[in-house]
Amino acid sequence: MKMFERPIPGQSLTVEPKSQAYERPPEVTDAVEALDMHMDNLMEEGAMEDALHFLDYGLDMVTLVQGILRSAVMEGIHSIDVSLIIAPALHEFIKGFADEAGIDYDEGFENQNEKKALAYRRNVQAAKKLLDKAEPEKPEPISMEMTEEQPDMVEEEPTEEPAKTGLMARV
């Protein structure tokens, strides 16, 4: 239940100063070391699969990376400044695995056309999965030949409209 063990607003005023990990100096101050640590953590068994699972189910890449980095800041591993420095590299690292796995994902940037295209591709993929599961039905062939039962197309001459009468009729 580590997810719910977060500080509430004002909590730092009710406990001993510097008792929380995020109030102390960070363990890692070098951006390269912090990036290596995150990459090593993602390469542990099951970690990258979990990240790709979230991407596959619609979580965007920016939110995933921010969640990983904010968790490390809260645990006192590195500072917010280091998070801002390593975020693009961590983004590309995860993106490489997602591309290799063939996952359709949203990068999380504010490009509306890309979001619409991604939603369309996801809908098409879902439809294909449903069609693959369904039993194929064989449709009857449709004949395009004219038969004697079909009436010939006859053009009708336009008819004149009757004159309008009444209160609102133009004179």
N, C-alpha and C. Protein backbone atom coordinates (compact mmCIF):
# COMPACT_ATOMS: atom_id res chain seq x y z
N MET A 1 0.82 -1.19 0.00
CA MET A 1 0.00 0.00 0.00
C MET A 1 0.86 1.26 0.00
N LYS A 2 2.02 1.16 -0.58
CA LYS A 2 2.92 2.30 -0.62
C LYS A 2 2.31 3.46 -1.41
N MET A 3 1.37 3.14 -2.28
CA MET A 3 0.74 4.15 -3.11
C MET A 3 0.03 5.21 -2.26
N PHE A 4 -0.55 4.80 -1.14
CA PHE A 4 -1.34 5.71 -0.32
C PHE A 4 -0.55 6.31 0.84
N GLU A 5 0.74 6.02 0.92
CA GLU A 5 1.57 6.54 2.00
C GLU A 5 2.24 7.84 1.56
N ARG A 6 1.46 8.81 1.18
CA ARG A 6 1.99 10.09 0.74
C ARG A 6 1.66 11.14 1.78
N PRO A 7 2.48 12.19 1.84
CA PRO A 7 2.20 13.25 2.81
C PRO A 7 0.97 14.05 2.41
N ILE A 8 0.24 14.52 3.40
CA ILE A 8 -0.90 15.38 3.16
C ILE A 8 -0.44 16.83 3.37
N PRO A 9 -1.14 17.80 2.80
CA PRO A 9 -0.73 19.19 3.00
C PRO A 9 -0.68 19.57 4.48
N GLY A 10 0.43 20.16 4.88
CA GLY A 10 0.61 20.58 6.26
C GLY A 10 1.21 19.53 7.16
N GLN A 11 1.39 18.32 6.65
CA GLN A 11 1.92 17.24 7.48
C GLN A 11 3.34 17.55 7.95
N SER A 12 4.12 18.25 7.15
CA SER A 12 5.50 18.55 7.55
C SER A 12 5.55 19.47 8.76
N LEU A 13 4.46 20.16 9.06
CA LEU A 13 4.43 21.06 10.21
C LEU A 13 4.09 20.32 11.50
N THR A 14 3.66 19.07 11.38
CA THR A 14 3.24 18.31 12.57
C THR A 14 4.25 17.25 12.99
N VAL A 15 5.30 17.06 12.21
CA VAL A 15 6.31 16.04 12.54
C VAL A 15 7.67 16.70 12.74
N GLU A 16 8.61 15.94 13.19
CA GLU A 16 9.97 16.41 13.40
C GLU A 16 10.56 16.89 12.07
N PRO A 17 11.21 18.06 12.05
CA PRO A 17 11.82 18.55 10.80
C PRO A 17 12.82 17.54 10.23
N LYS A 18 12.81 17.44 8.92
CA LYS A 18 13.69 16.55 8.14
C LYS A 18 13.48 15.07 8.46
N SER A 19 12.30 14.71 8.94
CA SER A 19 12.02 13.30 9.22
C SER A 19 11.57 12.55 7.96
N GLN A 20 11.13 13.27 6.95
CA GLN A 20 10.69 12.66 5.70
C GLN A 20 11.84 12.65 4.70
N ALA A 21 11.85 11.65 3.83
CA ALA A 21 12.95 11.48 2.87
C ALA A 21 13.08 12.67 1.93
N TYR A 22 11.97 13.26 1.50
CA TYR A 22 12.00 14.36 0.56
C TYR A 22 12.46 15.67 1.22
N GLU A 23 12.56 15.72 2.53
CA GLU A 23 13.02 16.93 3.23
C GLU A 23 14.53 16.92 3.46
N ARG A 24 15.16 15.78 3.28
CA ARG A 24 16.61 15.65 3.46
C ARG A 24 17.32 15.84 2.13
N PRO A 25 18.63 16.06 2.17
CA PRO A 25 19.38 16.15 0.91
C PRO A 25 19.26 14.84 0.13
N PRO A 26 19.20 14.91 -1.19
CA PRO A 26 19.02 13.69 -1.99
C PRO A 26 20.24 12.77 -1.92
N GLU A 27 19.99 11.48 -2.13
CA GLU A 27 21.06 10.48 -2.12
C GLU A 27 21.96 10.63 -3.33
N VAL A 28 21.39 10.95 -4.49
CA VAL A 28 22.14 11.07 -5.74
C VAL A 28 22.00 12.50 -6.25
N THR A 29 23.13 13.15 -6.51
CA THR A 29 23.09 14.52 -7.01
C THR A 29 23.54 14.62 -8.45
N ASP A 30 24.17 13.58 -8.96
CA ASP A 30 24.65 13.58 -10.34
C ASP A 30 23.56 13.03 -11.25
N ALA A 31 23.26 13.76 -12.32
CA ALA A 31 22.18 13.36 -13.23
C ALA A 31 22.49 12.04 -13.93
N VAL A 32 23.75 11.82 -14.30
CA VAL A 32 24.10 10.58 -14.99
C VAL A 32 23.91 9.38 -14.06
N GLU A 33 24.30 9.52 -12.81
CA GLU A 33 24.10 8.43 -11.85
C GLU A 33 22.62 8.15 -11.64
N ALA A 34 21.82 9.21 -11.56
CA ALA A 34 20.38 9.04 -11.36
C ALA A 34 19.75 8.34 -12.57
N LEU A 35 20.17 8.73 -13.77
CA LEU A 35 19.65 8.10 -14.98
C LEU A 35 20.05 6.63 -15.02
N ASP A 36 21.29 6.32 -14.70
CA ASP A 36 21.74 4.92 -14.65
C ASP A 36 20.91 4.11 -13.65
N MET A 37 20.63 4.73 -12.50
CA MET A 37 19.86 4.04 -11.47
C MET A 37 18.45 3.72 -11.99
N HIS A 38 17.81 4.69 -12.65
CA HIS A 38 16.46 4.46 -13.18
C HIS A 38 16.47 3.39 -14.28
N MET A 39 17.47 3.44 -15.15
CA MET A 39 17.56 2.43 -16.21
C MET A 39 17.78 1.04 -15.63
N ASP A 40 18.63 0.95 -14.60
CA ASP A 40 18.85 -0.34 -13.94
C ASP A 40 17.56 -0.84 -13.29
N ASN A 41 16.82 0.06 -12.66
CA ASN A 41 15.55 -0.33 -12.04
C ASN A 41 14.56 -0.84 -13.08
N LEU A 42 14.52 -0.19 -14.25
CA LEU A 42 13.59 -0.61 -15.30
C LEU A 42 14.01 -1.94 -15.93
N MET A 43 15.29 -2.27 -15.85
CA MET A 43 15.76 -3.52 -16.43
C MET A 43 15.59 -4.71 -15.49
N GLU A 44 15.17 -4.45 -14.25
CA GLU A 44 14.89 -5.55 -13.33
C GLU A 44 13.71 -6.35 -13.85
N GLU A 45 13.63 -7.59 -13.43
CA GLU A 45 12.61 -8.50 -13.94
C GLU A 45 11.19 -7.97 -13.68
N GLY A 46 10.45 -7.83 -14.74
CA GLY A 46 9.05 -7.41 -14.63
C GLY A 46 8.81 -5.92 -14.66
N ALA A 47 9.82 -5.09 -14.42
CA ALA A 47 9.60 -3.65 -14.34
C ALA A 47 9.24 -3.06 -15.71
N MET A 48 10.00 -3.41 -16.73
CA MET A 48 9.71 -2.86 -18.07
C MET A 48 8.40 -3.42 -18.60
N GLU A 49 8.09 -4.67 -18.28
CA GLU A 49 6.82 -5.25 -18.72
C GLU A 49 5.65 -4.49 -18.11
N ASP A 50 5.80 -4.11 -16.85
CA ASP A 50 4.74 -3.33 -16.19
C ASP A 50 4.58 -1.96 -16.85
N ALA A 51 5.69 -1.32 -17.15
CA ALA A 51 5.64 0.00 -17.79
C ALA A 51 4.98 -0.11 -19.16
N LEU A 52 5.35 -1.13 -19.93
CA LEU A 52 4.76 -1.31 -21.26
C LEU A 52 3.27 -1.67 -21.16
N HIS A 53 2.91 -2.38 -20.11
CA HIS A 53 1.50 -2.72 -19.89
C HIS A 53 0.67 -1.44 -19.71
N PHE A 54 1.19 -0.50 -18.91
CA PHE A 54 0.49 0.76 -18.69
C PHE A 54 0.37 1.54 -20.00
N LEU A 55 1.43 1.55 -20.79
CA LEU A 55 1.39 2.26 -22.08
C LEU A 55 0.37 1.62 -23.00
N ASP A 56 0.33 0.30 -23.00
CA ASP A 56 -0.59 -0.42 -23.88
C ASP A 56 -2.05 -0.14 -23.52
N TYR A 57 -2.31 0.12 -22.25
CA TYR A 57 -3.69 0.38 -21.82
C TYR A 57 -4.04 1.86 -21.75
N GLY A 58 -3.23 2.71 -22.40
CA GLY A 58 -3.65 4.10 -22.58
C GLY A 58 -2.93 5.15 -21.76
N LEU A 59 -2.07 4.79 -20.83
CA LEU A 59 -1.32 5.80 -20.08
C LEU A 59 -0.31 6.42 -21.03
N ASP A 60 -0.22 7.74 -21.04
CA ASP A 60 0.72 8.36 -21.97
C ASP A 60 2.13 8.33 -21.39
N MET A 61 3.11 8.43 -22.28
CA MET A 61 4.53 8.28 -21.92
C MET A 61 4.98 9.36 -20.95
N VAL A 62 4.55 10.61 -21.14
CA VAL A 62 4.97 11.70 -20.26
C VAL A 62 4.50 11.44 -18.83
N THR A 63 3.27 11.00 -18.66
CA THR A 63 2.74 10.72 -17.33
C THR A 63 3.49 9.57 -16.67
N LEU A 64 3.84 8.54 -17.44
CA LEU A 64 4.59 7.42 -16.90
C LEU A 64 5.96 7.86 -16.40
N VAL A 65 6.67 8.62 -17.22
CA VAL A 65 8.02 9.08 -16.84
C VAL A 65 7.93 10.02 -15.64
N GLN A 66 6.97 10.93 -15.64
CA GLN A 66 6.82 11.84 -14.50
C GLN A 66 6.50 11.07 -13.21
N GLY A 67 5.71 10.03 -13.30
CA GLY A 67 5.39 9.22 -12.13
C GLY A 67 6.63 8.53 -11.57
N ILE A 68 7.44 7.98 -12.45
CA ILE A 68 8.67 7.32 -12.01
C ILE A 68 9.59 8.31 -11.33
N LEU A 69 9.75 9.48 -11.95
CA LEU A 69 10.68 10.48 -11.41
C LEU A 69 10.15 11.13 -10.13
N ARG A 70 8.87 11.40 -10.05
CA ARG A 70 8.31 11.99 -8.83
C ARG A 70 8.40 11.03 -7.65
N SER A 71 8.24 9.76 -7.92
CA SER A 71 8.38 8.78 -6.86
C SER A 71 9.80 8.79 -6.30
N ALA A 72 10.78 8.90 -7.19
CA ALA A 72 12.18 8.95 -6.73
C ALA A 72 12.46 10.22 -5.94
N VAL A 73 11.85 11.34 -6.33
CA VAL A 73 12.02 12.59 -5.58
C VAL A 73 11.39 12.45 -4.20
N MET A 74 10.23 11.87 -4.13
CA MET A 74 9.54 11.71 -2.85
C MET A 74 10.30 10.78 -1.90
N GLU A 75 10.98 9.80 -2.47
CA GLU A 75 11.76 8.88 -1.65
C GLU A 75 13.13 9.44 -1.29
N GLY A 76 13.45 10.63 -1.79
CA GLY A 76 14.73 11.27 -1.46
C GLY A 76 15.90 10.76 -2.26
N ILE A 77 15.66 10.11 -3.38
CA ILE A 77 16.76 9.57 -4.19
C ILE A 77 17.47 10.67 -4.96
N HIS A 78 16.71 11.55 -5.60
CA HIS A 78 17.31 12.70 -6.28
C HIS A 78 16.36 13.88 -6.21
N SER A 79 16.83 15.03 -6.65
CA SER A 79 16.04 16.26 -6.56
C SER A 79 15.15 16.43 -7.79
N ILE A 80 14.27 17.40 -7.70
CA ILE A 80 13.39 17.72 -8.83
C ILE A 80 14.21 18.22 -10.01
N ASP A 81 15.27 18.96 -9.72
CA ASP A 81 16.13 19.47 -10.79
C ASP A 81 16.74 18.33 -11.61
N VAL A 82 17.20 17.29 -10.92
CA VAL A 82 17.76 16.13 -11.61
C VAL A 82 16.66 15.45 -12.43
N SER A 83 15.45 15.41 -11.91
CA SER A 83 14.33 14.82 -12.66
C SER A 83 14.11 15.55 -13.97
N LEU A 84 14.15 16.86 -13.93
CA LEU A 84 13.95 17.64 -15.16
C LEU A 84 15.07 17.39 -16.17
N ILE A 85 16.26 17.15 -15.68
CA ILE A 85 17.40 16.92 -16.57
C ILE A 85 17.31 15.55 -17.23
N ILE A 86 16.94 14.52 -16.47
CA ILE A 86 16.98 13.16 -17.02
C ILE A 86 15.67 12.71 -17.65
N ALA A 87 14.61 13.49 -17.52
CA ALA A 87 13.30 13.08 -18.05
C ALA A 87 13.34 12.77 -19.55
N PRO A 88 13.93 13.63 -20.41
CA PRO A 88 13.94 13.29 -21.84
C PRO A 88 14.67 11.98 -22.16
N ALA A 89 15.78 11.73 -21.47
CA ALA A 89 16.53 10.51 -21.73
C ALA A 89 15.76 9.28 -21.28
N LEU A 90 15.11 9.36 -20.13
CA LEU A 90 14.30 8.24 -19.64
C LEU A 90 13.10 8.00 -20.56
N HIS A 91 12.53 9.09 -21.06
CA HIS A 91 11.41 9.02 -22.02
C HIS A 91 11.84 8.22 -23.25
N GLU A 92 12.99 8.58 -23.82
CA GLU A 92 13.48 7.90 -25.03
C GLU A 92 13.84 6.45 -24.74
N PHE A 93 14.35 6.17 -23.55
CA PHE A 93 14.71 4.80 -23.16
C PHE A 93 13.46 3.91 -23.17
N ILE A 94 12.40 4.37 -22.53
CA ILE A 94 11.16 3.59 -22.48
C ILE A 94 10.52 3.52 -23.86
N LYS A 95 10.60 4.62 -24.60
CA LYS A 95 10.02 4.68 -25.94
C LYS A 95 10.67 3.63 -26.86
N GLY A 96 11.99 3.44 -26.73
CA GLY A 96 12.67 2.43 -27.53
C GLY A 96 12.12 1.03 -27.28
N PHE A 97 11.88 0.70 -26.02
CA PHE A 97 11.32 -0.61 -25.70
C PHE A 97 9.88 -0.73 -26.21
N ALA A 98 9.11 0.35 -26.09
CA ALA A 98 7.72 0.31 -26.56
C ALA A 98 7.66 0.13 -28.07
N ASP A 99 8.55 0.82 -28.79
CA ASP A 99 8.59 0.67 -30.25
C ASP A 99 8.99 -0.75 -30.63
N GLU A 100 9.97 -1.29 -29.93
CA GLU A 100 10.45 -2.65 -30.21
C GLU A 100 9.35 -3.67 -29.94
N ALA A 101 8.53 -3.42 -28.92
CA ALA A 101 7.44 -4.34 -28.57
C ALA A 101 6.23 -4.17 -29.49
N GLY A 102 6.24 -3.12 -30.32
CA GLY A 102 5.12 -2.90 -31.24
C GLY A 102 3.89 -2.34 -30.57
N ILE A 103 4.08 -1.61 -29.48
CA ILE A 103 2.95 -1.05 -28.74
C ILE A 103 2.60 0.31 -29.33
N ASP A 104 1.30 0.52 -29.55
CA ASP A 104 0.80 1.83 -29.97
C ASP A 104 0.57 2.64 -28.70
N TYR A 105 1.27 3.74 -28.54
CA TYR A 105 1.19 4.51 -27.31
C TYR A 105 1.08 6.00 -27.63
N ASP A 106 0.62 6.74 -26.66
CA ASP A 106 0.53 8.19 -26.75
C ASP A 106 1.75 8.76 -26.02
N GLU A 107 2.51 9.60 -26.71
CA GLU A 107 3.70 10.17 -26.07
C GLU A 107 3.34 11.20 -25.01
N GLY A 108 2.14 11.75 -25.07
CA GLY A 108 1.71 12.69 -24.03
C GLY A 108 1.94 14.13 -24.38
N PHE A 109 2.38 14.41 -25.60
CA PHE A 109 2.58 15.79 -26.01
C PHE A 109 1.27 16.34 -26.53
N GLU A 110 1.14 17.63 -26.58
CA GLU A 110 -0.13 18.29 -26.92
C GLU A 110 -0.35 18.42 -28.42
N ASN A 111 -0.21 17.38 -29.17
CA ASN A 111 -0.48 17.40 -30.60
C ASN A 111 -1.84 16.71 -30.80
N GLN A 112 -2.87 17.50 -31.03
CA GLN A 112 -4.23 16.96 -31.11
C GLN A 112 -4.41 16.01 -32.29
N ASN A 113 -3.76 16.32 -33.43
CA ASN A 113 -3.89 15.44 -34.60
C ASN A 113 -3.30 14.07 -34.31
N GLU A 114 -2.16 14.05 -33.60
CA GLU A 114 -1.54 12.78 -33.24
C GLU A 114 -2.43 11.99 -32.28
N LYS A 115 -3.09 12.68 -31.35
CA LYS A 115 -3.98 12.00 -30.41
C LYS A 115 -5.16 11.38 -31.14
N LYS A 116 -5.72 12.11 -32.11
CA LYS A 116 -6.85 11.58 -32.88
C LYS A 116 -6.42 10.36 -33.69
N ALA A 117 -5.23 10.43 -34.30
CA ALA A 117 -4.73 9.31 -35.09
C ALA A 117 -4.49 8.10 -34.21
N LEU A 118 -3.94 8.32 -33.01
CA LEU A 118 -3.68 7.22 -32.10
C LEU A 118 -4.98 6.57 -31.65
N ALA A 119 -5.99 7.39 -31.34
CA ALA A 119 -7.29 6.84 -30.94
C ALA A 119 -7.90 6.03 -32.08
N TYR A 120 -7.77 6.53 -33.30
CA TYR A 120 -8.29 5.80 -34.45
C TYR A 120 -7.58 4.46 -34.61
N ARG A 121 -6.23 4.46 -34.48
CA ARG A 121 -5.48 3.21 -34.62
C ARG A 121 -5.86 2.22 -33.53
N ARG A 122 -6.07 2.69 -32.30
CA ARG A 122 -6.46 1.80 -31.21
C ARG A 122 -7.83 1.20 -31.47
N ASN A 123 -8.76 2.02 -32.00
CA ASN A 123 -10.09 1.51 -32.31
C ASN A 123 -10.02 0.46 -33.42
N VAL A 124 -9.18 0.70 -34.42
CA VAL A 124 -9.04 -0.26 -35.51
C VAL A 124 -8.45 -1.56 -34.99
N GLN A 125 -7.44 -1.45 -34.12
CA GLN A 125 -6.84 -2.67 -33.56
C GLN A 125 -7.85 -3.45 -32.72
N ALA A 126 -8.65 -2.74 -31.93
CA ALA A 126 -9.66 -3.42 -31.12
C ALA A 126 -10.69 -4.10 -32.01
N ALA A 127 -11.09 -3.44 -33.09
CA ALA A 127 -12.06 -4.03 -34.02
C ALA A 127 -11.47 -5.27 -34.68
N LYS A 128 -10.19 -5.21 -35.05
CA LYS A 128 -9.56 -6.38 -35.67
C LYS A 128 -9.51 -7.55 -34.70
N LYS A 129 -9.22 -7.27 -33.43
CA LYS A 129 -9.19 -8.35 -32.43
C LYS A 129 -10.56 -8.99 -32.30
N LEU A 130 -11.62 -8.16 -32.28
CA LEU A 130 -12.97 -8.69 -32.18
C LEU A 130 -13.35 -9.51 -33.41
N LEU A 131 -12.94 -9.03 -34.58
CA LEU A 131 -13.26 -9.76 -35.81
C LEU A 131 -12.50 -11.08 -35.89
N ASP A 132 -11.28 -11.10 -35.37
CA ASP A 132 -10.51 -12.34 -35.38
C ASP A 132 -11.16 -13.40 -34.50
N LYS A 133 -11.78 -12.96 -33.40
CA LYS A 133 -12.43 -13.90 -32.48
C LYS A 133 -13.75 -14.41 -33.04
N ALA A 134 -14.44 -13.58 -33.81
CA ALA A 134 -15.75 -13.96 -34.35
C ALA A 134 -15.57 -14.95 -35.51
N GLU A 135 -16.57 -15.80 -35.68
CA GLU A 135 -16.53 -16.74 -36.79
C GLU A 135 -16.86 -15.99 -38.08
N PRO A 136 -16.09 -16.22 -39.12
CA PRO A 136 -16.37 -15.52 -40.37
C PRO A 136 -17.63 -16.06 -41.04
N GLU A 137 -18.47 -15.16 -41.49
CA GLU A 137 -19.68 -15.54 -42.21
C GLU A 137 -19.42 -15.36 -43.70
N LYS A 138 -19.94 -16.28 -44.49
CA LYS A 138 -19.74 -16.20 -45.93
C LYS A 138 -20.93 -15.48 -46.54
N PRO A 139 -20.74 -14.28 -47.06
CA PRO A 139 -21.86 -13.57 -47.68
C PRO A 139 -22.19 -14.17 -49.05
N GLU A 140 -23.46 -14.04 -49.43
CA GLU A 140 -23.87 -14.52 -50.74
C GLU A 140 -23.40 -13.53 -51.79
N PRO A 141 -22.94 -14.01 -52.94
CA PRO A 141 -22.48 -13.10 -53.97
C PRO A 141 -23.65 -12.30 -54.55
N ILE A 142 -23.40 -11.07 -54.87
CA ILE A 142 -24.42 -10.18 -55.41
C ILE A 142 -24.21 -10.08 -56.91
N SER A 143 -25.26 -10.29 -57.66
CA SER A 143 -25.18 -10.21 -59.11
C SER A 143 -25.42 -8.76 -59.53
N MET A 144 -24.59 -8.27 -60.41
CA MET A 144 -24.71 -6.89 -60.88
C MET A 144 -25.41 -6.82 -62.25
N GLU A 145 -25.90 -7.93 -62.76
CA GLU A 145 -26.54 -7.94 -64.06
C GLU A 145 -27.98 -7.46 -63.95
N MET A 146 -28.47 -6.81 -65.03
CA MET A 146 -29.85 -6.34 -65.08
C MET A 146 -30.75 -7.53 -65.42
N THR A 147 -31.85 -7.62 -64.73
CA THR A 147 -32.82 -8.68 -65.04
C THR A 147 -34.09 -8.02 -65.57
N GLU A 148 -34.96 -8.84 -66.14
CA GLU A 148 -36.20 -8.31 -66.70
C GLU A 148 -37.14 -7.82 -65.61
N GLU A 149 -36.94 -8.28 -64.39
CA GLU A 149 -37.81 -7.88 -63.30
C GLU A 149 -37.58 -6.44 -62.88
N GLN A 150 -36.38 -5.93 -63.17
CA GLN A 150 -36.06 -4.56 -62.76
C GLN A 150 -36.61 -3.59 -63.79
N PRO A 151 -37.35 -2.58 -63.38
CA PRO A 151 -37.90 -1.62 -64.34
C PRO A 151 -36.79 -0.72 -64.89
N ASP A 152 -37.00 -0.30 -66.13
CA ASP A 152 -36.04 0.63 -66.73
C ASP A 152 -36.19 1.99 -66.07
N MET A 153 -35.11 2.67 -66.02
CA MET A 153 -35.13 4.01 -65.44
C MET A 153 -35.70 4.98 -66.48
N VAL A 154 -36.78 5.63 -66.16
CA VAL A 154 -37.42 6.57 -67.07
C VAL A 154 -37.35 7.95 -66.43
N GLU A 155 -36.89 8.90 -67.20
CA GLU A 155 -36.82 10.26 -66.68
C GLU A 155 -38.20 10.90 -66.75
N GLU A 156 -38.60 11.53 -65.69
CA GLU A 156 -39.88 12.21 -65.67
C GLU A 156 -39.66 13.68 -65.96
N GLU A 157 -40.59 14.26 -66.67
CA GLU A 157 -40.49 15.67 -66.96
C GLU A 157 -40.91 16.46 -65.73
N PRO A 158 -40.22 17.57 -65.48
CA PRO A 158 -40.59 18.35 -64.30
C PRO A 158 -42.00 18.93 -64.45
N THR A 159 -42.73 18.92 -63.39
CA THR A 159 -44.09 19.45 -63.42
C THR A 159 -44.08 20.82 -62.76
N GLU A 160 -45.03 21.64 -63.17
CA GLU A 160 -45.13 22.98 -62.59
C GLU A 160 -45.80 22.88 -61.23
N GLU A 161 -45.29 23.70 -60.32
CA GLU A 161 -45.88 23.71 -58.99
C GLU A 161 -47.15 24.55 -59.02
N PRO A 162 -48.17 24.16 -58.28
CA PRO A 162 -49.40 24.97 -58.25
C PRO A 162 -49.12 26.32 -57.58
N ALA A 163 -49.84 27.28 -57.97
CA ALA A 163 -49.68 28.62 -57.42
C ALA A 163 -50.01 28.61 -55.94
N LYS A 164 -49.19 29.32 -55.15
CA LYS A 164 -49.42 29.36 -53.71
C LYS A 164 -50.45 30.42 -53.40
N THR A 165 -51.35 30.08 -52.53
CA THR A 165 -52.38 31.01 -52.11
C THR A 165 -52.40 31.03 -50.60
N GLY A 166 -52.95 32.04 -50.08
CA GLY A 166 -53.07 32.13 -48.65
C GLY A 166 -52.54 33.46 -48.14
N LEU A 167 -52.51 33.59 -46.83
CA LEU A 167 -52.15 34.84 -46.17
C LEU A 167 -50.72 35.26 -46.49
N MET A 168 -49.78 34.31 -46.55
CA MET A 168 -48.36 34.63 -46.70
C MET A 168 -47.88 34.50 -48.15
N ALA A 169 -48.75 34.25 -49.10
CA ALA A 169 -48.35 34.07 -50.49
C ALA A 169 -47.93 35.42 -51.08
N ARG A 170 -46.90 35.36 -51.90
CA ARG A 170 -46.44 36.59 -52.56
C ARG A 170 -47.36 36.91 -53.73
N VAL A 171 -47.57 38.16 -53.93
CA VAL A 171 -48.46 38.58 -55.00
C VAL A 171 -47.66 39.06 -56.18
